[in-house]
Amino acid sequence: MISEPRDQTVKRKNKGRAGGRPVTWDPDLYRERNTVERGINKIKAWRGLAARYDKDPANYQAGLALRAALLWLRSLQPNH
């Protein structure tokens, strides 16, 4: 992450709650968000879900569950 210039940090602090994004950066929160985004990208990488060939919501949800189960099973393998 690119650090924020000090003058921008001071301006944000002066604005208070209306200052936009938070001044501080939480590495733990960033790590968790990155993990979630990578998981979502792995799910979306599956062609059937990415192209959404099956328009029926029940079948689409079943595909999501299947993909999640496959990813979970793959994560249990020691070499992966």
N, C-alpha and C. Protein backbone atom coordinates (compact mmCIF):
# COMPACT_ATOMS: atom_id res chain seq x y z
N MET A 1 0.84 -1.18 0.00
CA MET A 1 0.00 0.00 0.00
C MET A 1 0.89 1.24 0.00
N ILE A 2 0.52 2.21 -0.78
CA ILE A 2 1.26 3.47 -0.84
C ILE A 2 0.83 4.33 0.34
N SER A 3 1.80 4.84 1.07
CA SER A 3 1.46 5.66 2.23
C SER A 3 0.81 6.97 1.80
N GLU A 4 -0.01 7.49 2.68
CA GLU A 4 -0.74 8.73 2.39
C GLU A 4 0.12 9.93 2.79
N PRO A 5 0.17 10.97 1.96
CA PRO A 5 0.94 12.17 2.31
C PRO A 5 0.43 12.79 3.62
N ARG A 6 1.35 13.37 4.38
CA ARG A 6 1.00 13.92 5.70
C ARG A 6 -0.02 15.04 5.61
N ASP A 7 0.07 15.89 4.58
CA ASP A 7 -0.89 16.99 4.50
C ASP A 7 -2.31 16.47 4.29
N GLN A 8 -2.45 15.37 3.53
CA GLN A 8 -3.78 14.79 3.34
C GLN A 8 -4.30 14.17 4.63
N THR A 9 -3.40 13.57 5.39
CA THR A 9 -3.80 12.97 6.67
C THR A 9 -4.33 14.04 7.61
N VAL A 10 -3.64 15.17 7.69
CA VAL A 10 -4.06 16.26 8.57
C VAL A 10 -5.41 16.81 8.12
N LYS A 11 -5.60 16.98 6.81
CA LYS A 11 -6.87 17.50 6.30
C LYS A 11 -8.02 16.54 6.63
N ARG A 12 -7.77 15.24 6.51
CA ARG A 12 -8.82 14.27 6.84
C ARG A 12 -9.18 14.31 8.32
N LYS A 13 -8.17 14.43 9.17
CA LYS A 13 -8.44 14.51 10.60
C LYS A 13 -9.26 15.75 10.94
N ASN A 14 -8.98 16.85 10.28
CA ASN A 14 -9.72 18.09 10.53
C ASN A 14 -11.17 17.99 10.09
N LYS A 15 -11.44 17.20 9.06
CA LYS A 15 -12.81 17.05 8.58
C LYS A 15 -13.65 16.16 9.49
N GLY A 16 -13.01 15.33 10.28
CA GLY A 16 -13.75 14.46 11.18
C GLY A 16 -14.40 13.30 10.43
N ARG A 17 -15.65 12.99 10.77
CA ARG A 17 -16.35 11.85 10.17
C ARG A 17 -16.62 12.06 8.68
N ALA A 18 -16.68 13.28 8.24
CA ALA A 18 -16.98 13.57 6.84
C ALA A 18 -15.70 13.56 6.00
N GLY A 19 -14.62 13.07 6.53
CA GLY A 19 -13.33 13.13 5.86
C GLY A 19 -13.05 12.04 4.86
N GLY A 20 -13.99 11.18 4.59
CA GLY A 20 -13.75 10.13 3.61
C GLY A 20 -13.17 8.89 4.24
N ARG A 21 -12.20 8.28 3.57
CA ARG A 21 -11.63 7.04 4.08
C ARG A 21 -10.88 7.28 5.39
N PRO A 22 -10.76 6.26 6.21
CA PRO A 22 -10.10 6.44 7.50
C PRO A 22 -8.61 6.76 7.34
N VAL A 23 -8.10 7.48 8.29
CA VAL A 23 -6.71 7.89 8.26
C VAL A 23 -5.80 6.70 8.56
N THR A 24 -6.21 5.87 9.48
CA THR A 24 -5.37 4.74 9.87
C THR A 24 -5.56 3.58 8.91
N TRP A 25 -4.57 2.71 8.89
CA TRP A 25 -4.60 1.52 8.04
C TRP A 25 -4.41 0.32 8.94
N ASP A 26 -5.37 -0.59 8.93
CA ASP A 26 -5.34 -1.76 9.79
C ASP A 26 -4.85 -2.96 8.97
N PRO A 27 -3.64 -3.44 9.22
CA PRO A 27 -3.13 -4.55 8.41
C PRO A 27 -3.91 -5.85 8.60
N ASP A 28 -4.46 -6.07 9.79
CA ASP A 28 -5.25 -7.29 10.02
C ASP A 28 -6.55 -7.27 9.23
N LEU A 29 -7.21 -6.12 9.21
CA LEU A 29 -8.43 -5.98 8.43
C LEU A 29 -8.14 -6.11 6.94
N TYR A 30 -7.03 -5.55 6.50
CA TYR A 30 -6.64 -5.66 5.10
C TYR A 30 -6.38 -7.12 4.72
N ARG A 31 -5.72 -7.87 5.60
CA ARG A 31 -5.42 -9.27 5.34
C ARG A 31 -6.71 -10.09 5.23
N GLU A 32 -7.65 -9.82 6.13
CA GLU A 32 -8.94 -10.54 6.08
C GLU A 32 -9.71 -10.21 4.81
N ARG A 33 -9.74 -8.94 4.44
CA ARG A 33 -10.45 -8.53 3.23
C ARG A 33 -9.80 -9.15 2.00
N ASN A 34 -8.48 -9.20 1.98
CA ASN A 34 -7.76 -9.79 0.87
C ASN A 34 -8.10 -11.28 0.76
N THR A 35 -8.19 -11.97 1.89
CA THR A 35 -8.53 -13.39 1.89
C THR A 35 -9.92 -13.62 1.31
N VAL A 36 -10.86 -12.79 1.72
CA VAL A 36 -12.23 -12.92 1.22
C VAL A 36 -12.28 -12.64 -0.28
N GLU A 37 -11.61 -11.60 -0.72
CA GLU A 37 -11.62 -11.25 -2.15
C GLU A 37 -10.98 -12.36 -2.99
N ARG A 38 -9.90 -12.95 -2.50
CA ARG A 38 -9.26 -14.03 -3.24
C ARG A 38 -10.17 -15.25 -3.31
N GLY A 39 -10.90 -15.52 -2.22
CA GLY A 39 -11.85 -16.63 -2.23
C GLY A 39 -12.98 -16.41 -3.23
N ILE A 40 -13.48 -15.20 -3.26
CA ILE A 40 -14.55 -14.88 -4.22
C ILE A 40 -14.04 -15.00 -5.64
N ASN A 41 -12.80 -14.57 -5.88
CA ASN A 41 -12.23 -14.70 -7.23
C ASN A 41 -12.04 -16.15 -7.62
N LYS A 42 -11.71 -17.01 -6.66
CA LYS A 42 -11.58 -18.44 -6.97
C LYS A 42 -12.94 -19.03 -7.34
N ILE A 43 -13.98 -18.59 -6.66
CA ILE A 43 -15.32 -19.08 -6.99
C ILE A 43 -15.73 -18.57 -8.37
N LYS A 44 -15.47 -17.31 -8.64
CA LYS A 44 -15.86 -16.72 -9.93
C LYS A 44 -15.05 -17.27 -11.09
N ALA A 45 -13.88 -17.85 -10.81
CA ALA A 45 -13.04 -18.39 -11.87
C ALA A 45 -13.63 -19.65 -12.49
N TRP A 46 -14.57 -20.26 -11.81
CA TRP A 46 -15.21 -21.46 -12.34
C TRP A 46 -16.12 -21.04 -13.49
N ARG A 47 -15.93 -21.62 -14.63
CA ARG A 47 -16.57 -21.14 -15.86
C ARG A 47 -18.10 -21.15 -15.78
N GLY A 48 -18.66 -22.18 -15.18
CA GLY A 48 -20.12 -22.27 -15.09
C GLY A 48 -20.73 -21.15 -14.28
N LEU A 49 -20.01 -20.68 -13.27
CA LEU A 49 -20.52 -19.58 -12.46
C LEU A 49 -20.18 -18.23 -13.07
N ALA A 50 -19.02 -18.14 -13.68
CA ALA A 50 -18.61 -16.87 -14.26
C ALA A 50 -19.50 -16.47 -15.43
N ALA A 51 -19.83 -17.45 -16.28
CA ALA A 51 -20.65 -17.16 -17.46
C ALA A 51 -22.13 -17.25 -17.11
N ARG A 52 -22.44 -17.90 -16.01
CA ARG A 52 -23.81 -18.08 -15.54
C ARG A 52 -24.69 -18.68 -16.64
N TYR A 53 -24.26 -19.85 -17.10
CA TYR A 53 -25.01 -20.55 -18.14
C TYR A 53 -26.40 -20.94 -17.66
N ASP A 54 -26.48 -21.38 -16.42
CA ASP A 54 -27.76 -21.82 -15.90
C ASP A 54 -28.43 -20.66 -15.17
N LYS A 55 -29.52 -20.17 -15.69
CA LYS A 55 -30.16 -18.97 -15.15
C LYS A 55 -31.09 -19.26 -13.96
N ASP A 56 -31.38 -20.53 -13.72
CA ASP A 56 -32.27 -20.88 -12.61
C ASP A 56 -31.56 -20.61 -11.28
N PRO A 57 -32.13 -19.82 -10.38
CA PRO A 57 -31.46 -19.47 -9.13
C PRO A 57 -31.10 -20.68 -8.27
N ALA A 58 -31.96 -21.69 -8.23
CA ALA A 58 -31.66 -22.86 -7.42
C ALA A 58 -30.45 -23.61 -7.97
N ASN A 59 -30.35 -23.72 -9.26
CA ASN A 59 -29.20 -24.40 -9.86
C ASN A 59 -27.93 -23.57 -9.70
N TYR A 60 -28.06 -22.26 -9.78
CA TYR A 60 -26.90 -21.39 -9.60
C TYR A 60 -26.37 -21.52 -8.17
N GLN A 61 -27.29 -21.54 -7.21
CA GLN A 61 -26.89 -21.69 -5.81
C GLN A 61 -26.26 -23.06 -5.57
N ALA A 62 -26.78 -24.07 -6.22
CA ALA A 62 -26.18 -25.40 -6.11
C ALA A 62 -24.77 -25.40 -6.69
N GLY A 63 -24.55 -24.68 -7.78
CA GLY A 63 -23.22 -24.55 -8.35
C GLY A 63 -22.26 -23.84 -7.40
N LEU A 64 -22.76 -22.80 -6.72
CA LEU A 64 -21.94 -22.11 -5.72
C LEU A 64 -21.53 -23.06 -4.60
N ALA A 65 -22.49 -23.85 -4.13
CA ALA A 65 -22.21 -24.80 -3.05
C ALA A 65 -21.21 -25.86 -3.51
N LEU A 66 -21.38 -26.33 -4.73
CA LEU A 66 -20.46 -27.32 -5.27
C LEU A 66 -19.04 -26.76 -5.39
N ARG A 67 -18.93 -25.55 -5.91
CA ARG A 67 -17.60 -24.94 -6.06
C ARG A 67 -16.96 -24.71 -4.70
N ALA A 68 -17.75 -24.24 -3.73
CA ALA A 68 -17.21 -24.02 -2.39
C ALA A 68 -16.74 -25.34 -1.77
N ALA A 69 -17.50 -26.41 -1.98
CA ALA A 69 -17.10 -27.71 -1.45
C ALA A 69 -15.81 -28.20 -2.11
N LEU A 70 -15.69 -28.00 -3.41
CA LEU A 70 -14.47 -28.41 -4.11
C LEU A 70 -13.25 -27.63 -3.61
N LEU A 71 -13.42 -26.33 -3.40
CA LEU A 71 -12.32 -25.52 -2.88
C LEU A 71 -11.94 -25.94 -1.47
N TRP A 72 -12.93 -26.25 -0.66
CA TRP A 72 -12.68 -26.68 0.71
C TRP A 72 -11.94 -28.01 0.72
N LEU A 73 -12.40 -28.97 -0.10
CA LEU A 73 -11.73 -30.26 -0.17
C LEU A 73 -10.28 -30.11 -0.66
N ARG A 74 -10.07 -29.22 -1.60
CA ARG A 74 -8.73 -29.00 -2.12
C ARG A 74 -7.84 -28.39 -1.04
N SER A 75 -8.42 -27.57 -0.18
CA SER A 75 -7.61 -26.94 0.89
C SER A 75 -7.21 -27.95 1.95
N LEU A 76 -7.87 -29.08 2.04
CA LEU A 76 -7.53 -30.10 3.02
C LEU A 76 -6.33 -30.94 2.60
N GLN A 77 -5.98 -30.91 1.33
CA GLN A 77 -4.84 -31.66 0.85
C GLN A 77 -3.55 -31.04 1.38
N PRO A 78 -2.62 -31.87 1.87
CA PRO A 78 -1.40 -31.31 2.47
C PRO A 78 -0.47 -30.61 1.48
N ASN A 79 -0.49 -30.98 0.22
CA ASN A 79 0.44 -30.38 -0.75
C ASN A 79 -0.14 -29.17 -1.44
N HIS A 80 -1.34 -28.74 -1.10
CA HIS A 80 -1.96 -27.66 -1.84
C HIS A 80 -2.13 -26.42 -1.03
